[in-house]
Amino acid sequence: MSVNHFIVKIMCRNGEYEHTKVALIASDNEANASQTALLNECRCEVDALNFEDGGVYDLGGEFFYQVKSCQPVPPHDAEIMLRYL
C-alpha cells in the first residue's frame, strides 16, 4: 500500500473564536487523511467525542472541529514540504 500526502484544512471553533489550521498528513487515501487530521486536533479520547454537524465536538462541546478541504500533494512537493516542516 503506497502512502500519499494530503494538505488538510481544519476549521477550529471555540465559542465565537474561529481559526483555520493546515496540516500535512500521510495517508493511503483522502478520507483517512481527513479523519486523521480531525482527530489530531481533539483533546479527548475518541469515545468521548461527539460527531455531529459535519464535524466533531470536543471537551463537552467547548471546541468544534470540521474539515474544510483535503487536497492531494504530489510526491515531489511533499518531499520538499517534509524537509521543512
C-alpha atoms as a PDB file:
ATOM      1  CA  MET A   1       0.000   0.000   0.000  1.00  0.00           C
ATOM      2  CA  SER A   2       1.527   3.324  -1.024  1.00  0.00           C
ATOM      3  CA  VAL A   3       1.487   6.328   1.267  1.00  0.00           C
ATOM      4  CA  ASN A   4       0.304   9.611  -0.178  1.00  0.00           C
ATOM      5  CA  HIS A   5       0.353  13.064   1.348  1.00  0.00           C
ATOM      6  CA  PHE A   6      -2.555  15.448   1.721  1.00  0.00           C
ATOM      7  CA  ILE A   7      -2.961  19.068   2.805  1.00  0.00           C
ATOM      8  CA  VAL A   8      -5.943  19.163   5.156  1.00  0.00           C
ATOM      9  CA  LYS A   9      -7.540  22.422   6.309  1.00  0.00           C
ATOM     10  CA  ILE A  10      -9.406  22.195   9.616  1.00  0.00           C
ATOM     11  CA  MET A  11     -11.735  24.890  10.946  1.00  0.00           C
ATOM     12  CA  CYS A  12     -11.393  25.144  14.730  1.00  0.00           C
ATOM     13  CA  ARG A  13     -14.066  26.972  16.735  1.00  0.00           C
ATOM     14  CA  ASN A  14     -14.148  27.814  20.431  1.00  0.00           C
ATOM     15  CA  GLY A  15     -17.237  29.886  21.153  1.00  0.00           C
ATOM     16  CA  GLU A  16     -17.073  32.905  18.872  1.00  0.00           C
ATOM     17  CA  TYR A  17     -13.351  32.482  18.187  1.00  0.00           C
ATOM     18  CA  GLU A  18     -12.562  30.630  14.963  1.00  0.00           C
ATOM     19  CA  HIS A  19      -9.346  29.860  13.101  1.00  0.00           C
ATOM     20  CA  THR A  20      -8.103  27.523  10.393  1.00  0.00           C
ATOM     21  CA  LYS A  21      -5.267  25.062  10.821  1.00  0.00           C
ATOM     22  CA  VAL A  22      -3.406  23.435   7.939  1.00  0.00           C
ATOM     23  CA  ALA A  23      -1.778  20.015   8.304  1.00  0.00           C
ATOM     24  CA  LEU A  24       0.292  17.804   6.039  1.00  0.00           C
ATOM     25  CA  ILE A  25      -0.958  14.246   6.566  1.00  0.00           C
ATOM     26  CA  ALA A  26       0.489  10.965   5.264  1.00  0.00           C
ATOM     27  CA  SER A  27      -2.282   8.506   4.484  1.00  0.00           C
ATOM     28  CA  ASP A  28      -3.405   5.894   1.997  1.00  0.00           C
ATOM     29  CA  ASN A  29      -6.488   7.905   0.928  1.00  0.00           C
ATOM     30  CA  GLU A  30      -8.262  11.245   1.272  1.00  0.00           C
ATOM     31  CA  ALA A  31     -10.940  10.036   3.698  1.00  0.00           C
ATOM     32  CA  ASN A  32      -8.376   8.634   6.139  1.00  0.00           C
ATOM     33  CA  ALA A  33      -6.243  11.789   5.848  1.00  0.00           C
ATOM     34  CA  SER A  34      -9.260  13.950   6.719  1.00  0.00           C
ATOM     35  CA  GLN A  35     -10.174  11.762   9.687  1.00  0.00           C
ATOM     36  CA  THR A  36      -6.582  11.668  10.962  1.00  0.00           C
ATOM     37  CA  ALA A  37      -6.232  15.458  10.770  1.00  0.00           C
ATOM     38  CA  LEU A  38      -9.566  15.933  12.535  1.00  0.00           C
ATOM     39  CA  LEU A  39      -8.760  13.512  15.354  1.00  0.00           C
ATOM     40  CA  ASN A  40      -5.266  15.000  15.779  1.00  0.00           C
ATOM     41  CA  GLU A  41      -6.916  18.264  16.823  1.00  0.00           C
ATOM     42  CA  CYS A  42      -9.065  16.670  19.519  1.00  0.00           C
ATOM     43  CA  ARG A  43      -8.008  16.565  23.134  1.00  0.00           C
ATOM     44  CA  CYS A  44     -10.425  13.848  24.337  1.00  0.00           C
ATOM     45  CA  GLU A  45     -10.385  10.140  23.639  1.00  0.00           C
ATOM     46  CA  VAL A  46     -12.356   9.114  20.544  1.00  0.00           C
ATOM     47  CA  ASP A  47     -15.165   7.544  22.586  1.00  0.00           C
ATOM     48  CA  ALA A  48     -15.727  10.881  24.393  1.00  0.00           C
ATOM     49  CA  LEU A  49     -16.155  12.866  21.148  1.00  0.00           C
ATOM     50  CA  ASN A  50     -19.495  13.899  19.683  1.00  0.00           C
ATOM     51  CA  PHE A  51     -19.618  13.614  15.878  1.00  0.00           C
ATOM     52  CA  GLU A  52     -22.363  15.996  14.667  1.00  0.00           C
ATOM     53  CA  ASP A  53     -22.956  18.888  12.258  1.00  0.00           C
ATOM     54  CA  GLY A  54     -20.371  17.614   9.780  1.00  0.00           C
ATOM     55  CA  GLY A  55     -17.558  17.750  12.310  1.00  0.00           C
ATOM     56  CA  VAL A  56     -16.661  16.796  15.872  1.00  0.00           C
ATOM     57  CA  TYR A  57     -17.375  18.421  19.240  1.00  0.00           C
ATOM     58  CA  ASP A  58     -14.605  18.063  21.799  1.00  0.00           C
ATOM     59  CA  LEU A  59     -14.424  18.666  25.568  1.00  0.00           C
ATOM     60  CA  GLY A  60     -18.178  18.589  26.057  1.00  0.00           C
ATOM     61  CA  GLY A  61     -18.828  20.933  23.145  1.00  0.00           C
ATOM     62  CA  GLU A  62     -16.262  23.568  24.124  1.00  0.00           C
ATOM     63  CA  PHE A  63     -14.398  23.024  20.833  1.00  0.00           C
ATOM     64  CA  PHE A  64     -15.743  22.187  17.366  1.00  0.00           C
ATOM     65  CA  TYR A  65     -13.538  20.937  14.506  1.00  0.00           C
ATOM     66  CA  GLN A  66     -14.514  20.488  10.875  1.00  0.00           C
ATOM     67  CA  VAL A  67     -12.562  19.526   7.742  1.00  0.00           C
ATOM     68  CA  LYS A  68     -12.844  22.353   5.218  1.00  0.00           C
ATOM     69  CA  SER A  69     -10.713  20.801   2.471  1.00  0.00           C
ATOM     70  CA  CYS A  70      -8.372  17.925   1.726  1.00  0.00           C
ATOM     71  CA  GLN A  71      -6.098  18.040  -1.298  1.00  0.00           C
ATOM     72  CA  PRO A  72      -3.517  15.527  -2.505  1.00  0.00           C
ATOM     73  CA  VAL A  73       0.087  16.739  -2.630  1.00  0.00           C
ATOM     74  CA  PRO A  74       2.301  15.497  -5.487  1.00  0.00           C
ATOM     75  CA  PRO A  75       5.229  13.373  -4.224  1.00  0.00           C
ATOM     76  CA  HIS A  76       7.916  15.876  -5.260  1.00  0.00           C
ATOM     77  CA  ASP A  77       6.103  18.705  -3.403  1.00  0.00           C
ATOM     78  CA  ALA A  78       5.536  16.538  -0.336  1.00  0.00           C
ATOM     79  CA  GLU A  79       9.247  15.716  -0.218  1.00  0.00           C
ATOM     80  CA  ILE A  80      10.113  19.419  -0.109  1.00  0.00           C
ATOM     81  CA  MET A  81       7.436  20.212   2.480  1.00  0.00           C
ATOM     82  CA  LEU A  82       8.543  17.366   4.736  1.00  0.00           C
ATOM     83  CA  ARG A  83      12.072  18.706   4.655  1.00  0.00           C
ATOM     84  CA  TYR A  84      10.938  21.978   6.258  1.00  0.00           C
ATOM     85  CA  LEU A  85       8.001  21.008   8.473  1.00  0.00           C
END
